[in-house]
Protein backbone atom coordinates (compact mmCIF):
# COMPACT_ATOMS: atom_id res chain seq x y z
CA MET A 1 12.67 19.61 4.75
CA SER A 2 12.76 16.44 2.58
CA HIS A 3 9.38 14.69 1.27
CA GLU A 4 10.35 11.59 3.55
CA GLU A 5 10.60 14.05 6.48
CA ASN A 6 7.36 15.41 5.77
CA PHE A 7 5.72 12.10 5.19
CA LYS A 8 6.93 10.78 8.48
CA ILE A 9 5.63 13.60 10.46
CA ALA A 10 2.49 13.71 8.77
CA ILE A 11 2.03 9.69 9.29
CA ASN A 12 3.24 10.00 12.93
CA GLY A 13 0.78 12.89 13.74
CA ILE A 14 -2.26 10.84 12.15
CA ALA A 15 -1.04 7.59 13.94
CA SER A 16 -0.84 9.36 17.35
CA SER A 17 -4.67 10.35 17.36
CA ASN A 18 -6.12 7.74 14.85
CA HIS A 19 -4.49 4.42 14.36
CA GLU A 20 -7.13 3.25 12.03
CA THR A 21 -6.96 6.29 9.69
CA ALA A 22 -2.98 5.80 9.48
CA ILE A 23 -3.39 2.13 8.73
CA SER A 24 -5.97 2.97 6.04
CA LEU A 25 -3.75 5.71 4.50
CA LEU A 26 -0.73 3.71 4.42
CA THR A 27 -2.35 0.60 2.99
CA GLY A 28 -3.97 2.71 0.45
CA ALA A 29 -0.75 4.15 -0.65
CA LEU A 30 1.10 0.85 -0.63
CA VAL A 31 -1.55 -0.95 -3.03
CA GLY A 32 -1.78 2.02 -5.20
CA LEU A 33 1.92 2.05 -5.63
CA ILE A 34 2.21 -1.80 -6.31
CA GLU A 35 -0.74 -1.68 -8.60
CA PHE A 36 1.11 1.11 -10.65
CA LEU A 37 4.19 -0.75 -10.75
CA VAL A 38 2.50 -3.94 -11.85
CA GLU A 39 0.74 -2.03 -14.77
CA GLY A 40 3.89 -0.17 -15.76
CA ASN A 41 5.44 -3.69 -16.22
CA GLY A 42 2.57 -5.20 -18.45
CA GLY A 43 0.75 -6.83 -15.65
CA ASP A 44 -2.98 -6.58 -14.64
CA PRO A 45 -3.44 -4.64 -11.44
CA LYS A 46 -6.91 -5.98 -11.11
CA LYS A 47 -5.70 -9.51 -10.62
CA GLU A 48 -4.44 -10.97 -7.42
CA ILE A 49 -0.97 -9.81 -6.69
CA MET A 50 1.74 -11.94 -4.68
CA ILE A 51 4.88 -10.68 -3.39
CA ASP A 52 7.55 -13.08 -2.47
CA GLY A 53 9.08 -11.72 0.87
CA GLY A 54 12.03 -13.90 0.68
CA GLU A 55 13.20 -14.51 4.30
CA ASN A 56 10.45 -12.13 5.30
CA ARG A 57 6.71 -12.49 5.15
CA ASP A 58 5.02 -12.82 1.82
CA LEU A 59 2.34 -10.32 0.79
CA THR A 60 -0.77 -10.97 -1.11
CA ILE A 61 -3.07 -8.19 -2.54
CA HIS A 62 -6.27 -9.77 -3.48
CA ALA A 63 -8.23 -9.05 -6.60
CA ASN A 64 -10.81 -6.26 -6.49
CA LYS A 65 -14.12 -7.39 -4.92
CA GLU A 66 -17.09 -7.37 -7.14
CA HIS A 67 -19.74 -4.85 -6.01
CA GLN A 68 -23.36 -6.23 -5.64
């Protein structure tokens, strides 16, 4: 079985029982991947990241929140 198939099965299993956890896992994975790509291209992943979605929705990942 491919990694993609295993991932799909795992996410479907989590989503069927706990939507919030599935969304949190997917969001974390997406943000982590985008930050990795930004840093690899010389950018600062700690700053706001804006992605032009073209004909689709745009995506903004806000800068890290400062902890009090």
